[in-house]
Amino acid sequence: MLHSDPSRYCILSGGPGMGKTTLIHHLTDLGYASFPESGRAIIRQQQATGGQALPWQDREAFARLMFRQTLIDRKEAMDKQGLVFFDRGLPDVIGYLEFCGLPIPPEMEAAARDYRYHRLVALTPPWPGIYTKDPERRQTFEEAVATYHMIQQVYIRYGYEPVVVPKGDVRHRAAFVIACMSR
């Protein structure tokens, strides 16, 4: 198990296209250590190299790559000071697999149980006003909402307490998240 104070490791989660990345960038601009979502980077890398580990081609391979990168990020966070923000965490990979109807490998299940984060998880709620599709985000808004609900349930099952981030400008959302995670 990675030893460090898990209350420093703060998750931003929710469905795709709900403002997590914008919020992470703002928190980084405020001086907080952060780790971007691994899924987008994996999609770009796979597209650039002709790889098949894409959510619309090989979901299990895509999940394995996300899992591996999330473990790397979690380990690297041990070297950071203060609160560290993650655009998704290990339970998100479990939620993705469940959403796709795929089996959860035992090592992923164990890692999601053992490598803990702050007890509160900031969830960005469905927000049609900011949702957009792009070459890496192909889900419909309805799929994004269903993903949000799946992710929320997975975090609860792993013993976390989801806190819904209010809609609004990024400064207010960031202030809310910082206040919650500083408790």
Protein backbone atom coordinates (compact mmCIF):
# COMPACT_ATOMS: atom_id res chain seq x y z
CA MET A 1 0.00 0.00 0.00
CA LEU A 2 1.20 3.52 -0.72
CA HIS A 3 1.74 5.22 2.63
CA SER A 4 1.00 8.89 2.97
CA ASP A 5 -1.86 10.95 4.29
CA PRO A 6 -4.74 10.10 1.93
CA SER A 7 -6.68 13.17 3.06
CA ARG A 8 -4.28 15.24 0.89
CA TYR A 9 -5.37 13.41 -2.28
CA CYS A 10 -8.50 15.07 -3.62
CA ILE A 11 -10.62 13.60 -6.40
CA LEU A 12 -12.66 15.59 -8.89
CA SER A 13 -15.01 13.24 -10.67
CA GLY A 14 -18.33 13.06 -12.48
CA GLY A 15 -19.47 12.37 -15.99
CA PRO A 16 -17.55 13.52 -19.05
CA GLY A 17 -17.93 17.14 -20.10
CA MET A 18 -19.02 18.50 -16.73
CA GLY A 19 -16.19 20.94 -16.07
CA LYS A 20 -13.60 18.81 -14.27
CA THR A 21 -10.68 19.68 -16.52
CA THR A 22 -11.41 23.42 -16.39
CA LEU A 23 -11.60 23.17 -12.62
CA ILE A 24 -8.32 21.21 -12.38
CA HIS A 25 -6.57 23.80 -14.57
CA HIS A 26 -7.83 26.59 -12.33
CA LEU A 27 -6.67 24.77 -9.18
CA THR A 28 -3.26 24.33 -10.82
CA ASP A 29 -3.18 28.05 -11.63
CA LEU A 30 -3.86 28.69 -7.93
CA GLY A 31 -0.70 26.74 -7.09
CA TYR A 32 -2.11 23.33 -6.19
CA ALA A 33 -0.46 20.17 -7.43
CA SER A 34 -2.72 18.28 -9.82
CA PHE A 35 -2.89 15.34 -12.17
CA PRO A 36 -4.93 15.51 -15.39
CA GLU A 37 -7.40 12.87 -16.48
CA SER A 38 -5.50 9.96 -18.02
CA GLY A 39 -8.26 9.00 -20.45
CA ARG A 40 -7.82 11.92 -22.84
CA ALA A 41 -4.04 11.50 -22.97
CA ILE A 42 -4.45 7.79 -23.67
CA ILE A 43 -6.93 8.46 -26.46
CA ARG A 44 -4.58 11.00 -28.07
CA GLN A 45 -1.61 8.64 -27.76
CA GLN A 46 -3.56 5.69 -29.17
CA GLN A 47 -4.89 7.77 -32.07
CA ALA A 48 -1.41 9.12 -32.86
CA THR A 49 0.15 5.64 -32.89
CA GLY A 50 -2.72 3.69 -34.45
CA GLY A 51 -3.34 1.87 -31.17
CA GLN A 52 -6.53 -0.02 -30.44
CA ALA A 53 -6.87 0.80 -26.68
CA LEU A 54 -9.69 3.25 -27.33
CA PRO A 55 -13.08 3.37 -25.61
CA TRP A 56 -14.82 2.72 -28.94
CA GLN A 57 -12.51 -0.16 -29.93
CA ASP A 58 -11.04 -2.05 -26.95
CA ARG A 59 -12.58 -0.85 -23.71
CA GLU A 60 -10.74 -3.36 -21.52
CA ALA A 61 -7.33 -2.31 -22.89
CA PHE A 62 -8.32 1.34 -22.47
CA ALA A 63 -9.31 0.68 -18.83
CA ARG A 64 -6.01 -1.13 -18.16
CA LEU A 65 -4.05 1.86 -19.45
CA MET A 66 -6.14 4.28 -17.37
CA PHE A 67 -5.64 2.08 -14.30
CA ARG A 68 -1.88 1.93 -14.81
CA GLN A 69 -1.58 5.71 -15.26
CA THR A 70 -3.82 6.41 -12.26
CA LEU A 71 -1.56 4.24 -10.07
CA ILE A 72 1.50 6.10 -11.36
CA ASP A 73 -0.16 9.45 -10.60
CA ARG A 74 -1.17 8.30 -7.11
CA LYS A 75 2.41 7.25 -6.38
CA GLU A 76 3.87 10.49 -7.77
CA ALA A 77 1.50 12.48 -5.56
CA MET A 78 3.44 11.29 -2.51
CA ASP A 79 6.22 13.73 -3.48
CA LYS A 80 3.85 16.71 -3.60
CA GLN A 81 3.09 19.06 -0.71
CA GLY A 82 -0.34 20.10 0.52
CA LEU A 83 -3.58 19.21 -1.22
CA VAL A 84 -3.17 17.34 -4.50
CA PHE A 85 -6.04 17.24 -7.00
CA PHE A 86 -6.75 14.38 -9.39
CA ASP A 87 -9.03 14.55 -12.41
CA ARG A 88 -10.55 11.14 -11.58
CA GLY A 89 -9.23 8.38 -9.32
CA LEU A 90 -8.99 4.60 -9.17
CA PRO A 91 -12.72 4.09 -8.46
CA ASP A 92 -13.45 5.91 -11.74
CA VAL A 93 -11.79 3.06 -13.65
CA ILE A 94 -14.05 0.60 -11.82
CA GLY A 95 -17.06 2.77 -12.67
CA TYR A 96 -16.03 2.86 -16.33
CA LEU A 97 -15.78 -0.94 -16.49
CA GLU A 98 -19.13 -1.36 -14.74
CA PHE A 99 -20.75 1.18 -17.05
CA CYS A 100 -19.46 -0.86 -20.01
CA GLY A 101 -20.65 -4.14 -18.47
CA LEU A 102 -17.09 -5.46 -18.26
CA PRO A 103 -15.57 -7.54 -15.45
CA ILE A 104 -13.49 -5.86 -12.74
CA PRO A 105 -10.04 -7.45 -12.51
CA PRO A 106 -9.15 -8.39 -8.90
CA GLU A 107 -6.03 -6.18 -8.92
CA MET A 108 -8.14 -3.14 -9.81
CA GLU A 109 -10.66 -3.98 -7.10
CA ALA A 110 -7.84 -4.32 -4.54
CA ALA A 111 -6.14 -1.09 -5.61
CA ALA A 112 -9.41 0.88 -5.41
CA ARG A 113 -9.88 -0.44 -1.85
CA ASP A 114 -6.27 0.01 -0.71
CA TYR A 115 -5.06 3.26 -2.27
CA ARG A 116 -7.28 5.78 -0.56
CA TYR A 117 -8.03 9.41 -1.26
CA HIS A 118 -9.72 12.18 0.76
CA ARG A 119 -13.00 10.87 2.19
CA LEU A 120 -14.90 13.55 0.25
CA VAL A 121 -15.07 13.30 -3.54
CA ALA A 122 -16.02 16.43 -5.48
CA LEU A 123 -18.50 15.52 -8.20
CA THR A 124 -19.21 17.93 -11.02
CA PRO A 125 -22.89 17.43 -11.87
CA PRO A 126 -24.54 17.11 -15.28
CA TRP A 127 -24.65 20.54 -16.88
CA PRO A 128 -26.10 20.72 -20.41
CA GLY A 129 -24.95 24.34 -20.76
CA ILE A 130 -21.26 23.39 -20.83
CA TYR A 131 -21.38 19.89 -22.32
CA THR A 132 -19.77 19.47 -25.74
CA LYS A 133 -18.65 16.51 -27.81
CA ASP A 134 -15.22 16.47 -29.41
CA PRO A 135 -12.93 13.92 -31.12
CA GLU A 136 -12.03 12.39 -27.72
CA ARG A 137 -15.43 12.78 -26.03
CA ARG A 138 -17.95 10.97 -28.18
CA GLN A 139 -20.59 10.23 -25.53
CA THR A 140 -24.02 11.78 -25.79
CA PHE A 141 -25.14 14.00 -22.94
CA GLU A 142 -27.46 11.18 -21.81
CA GLU A 143 -24.49 8.78 -21.63
CA ALA A 144 -22.52 11.40 -19.69
CA VAL A 145 -25.38 11.68 -17.16
CA ALA A 146 -25.56 7.89 -16.81
CA THR A 147 -21.79 7.83 -16.27
CA TYR A 148 -22.13 10.47 -13.56
CA HIS A 149 -24.66 8.34 -11.67
CA MET A 150 -22.53 5.20 -12.02
CA ILE A 151 -19.41 7.00 -10.77
CA GLN A 152 -21.34 8.43 -7.82
CA GLN A 153 -22.52 4.95 -6.78
CA VAL A 154 -19.05 3.44 -7.12
CA TYR A 155 -17.51 6.08 -4.87
CA ILE A 156 -20.23 5.50 -2.26
CA ARG A 157 -19.64 1.74 -2.44
CA TYR A 158 -15.91 2.30 -1.76
CA GLY A 159 -16.72 4.35 1.33
CA TYR A 160 -16.35 7.87 -0.02
CA GLU A 161 -18.76 10.74 0.50
CA PRO A 162 -19.63 12.50 -2.77
CA VAL A 163 -20.06 16.26 -2.56
CA VAL A 164 -21.74 17.91 -5.55
CA VAL A 165 -19.86 20.96 -6.82
CA PRO A 166 -22.31 23.79 -7.47
CA LYS A 167 -22.66 25.06 -11.01
CA GLY A 168 -21.17 28.48 -11.57
CA ASP A 169 -17.99 30.16 -12.65
CA VAL A 170 -14.75 28.30 -12.13
CA ARG A 171 -13.52 30.61 -9.34
CA HIS A 172 -16.56 29.83 -7.19
CA ARG A 173 -16.37 26.13 -7.98
CA ALA A 174 -12.69 26.05 -7.03
CA ALA A 175 -13.33 27.92 -3.77
CA PHE A 176 -16.05 25.41 -2.90
CA VAL A 177 -13.78 22.43 -3.61
CA ILE A 178 -10.86 23.89 -1.65
CA ALA A 179 -13.12 24.62 1.32
CA CYS A 180 -14.50 21.08 1.29
CA MET A 181 -11.12 19.40 0.97
CA SER A 182 -9.55 21.59 3.67
CA ARG A 183 -11.86 20.14 6.34
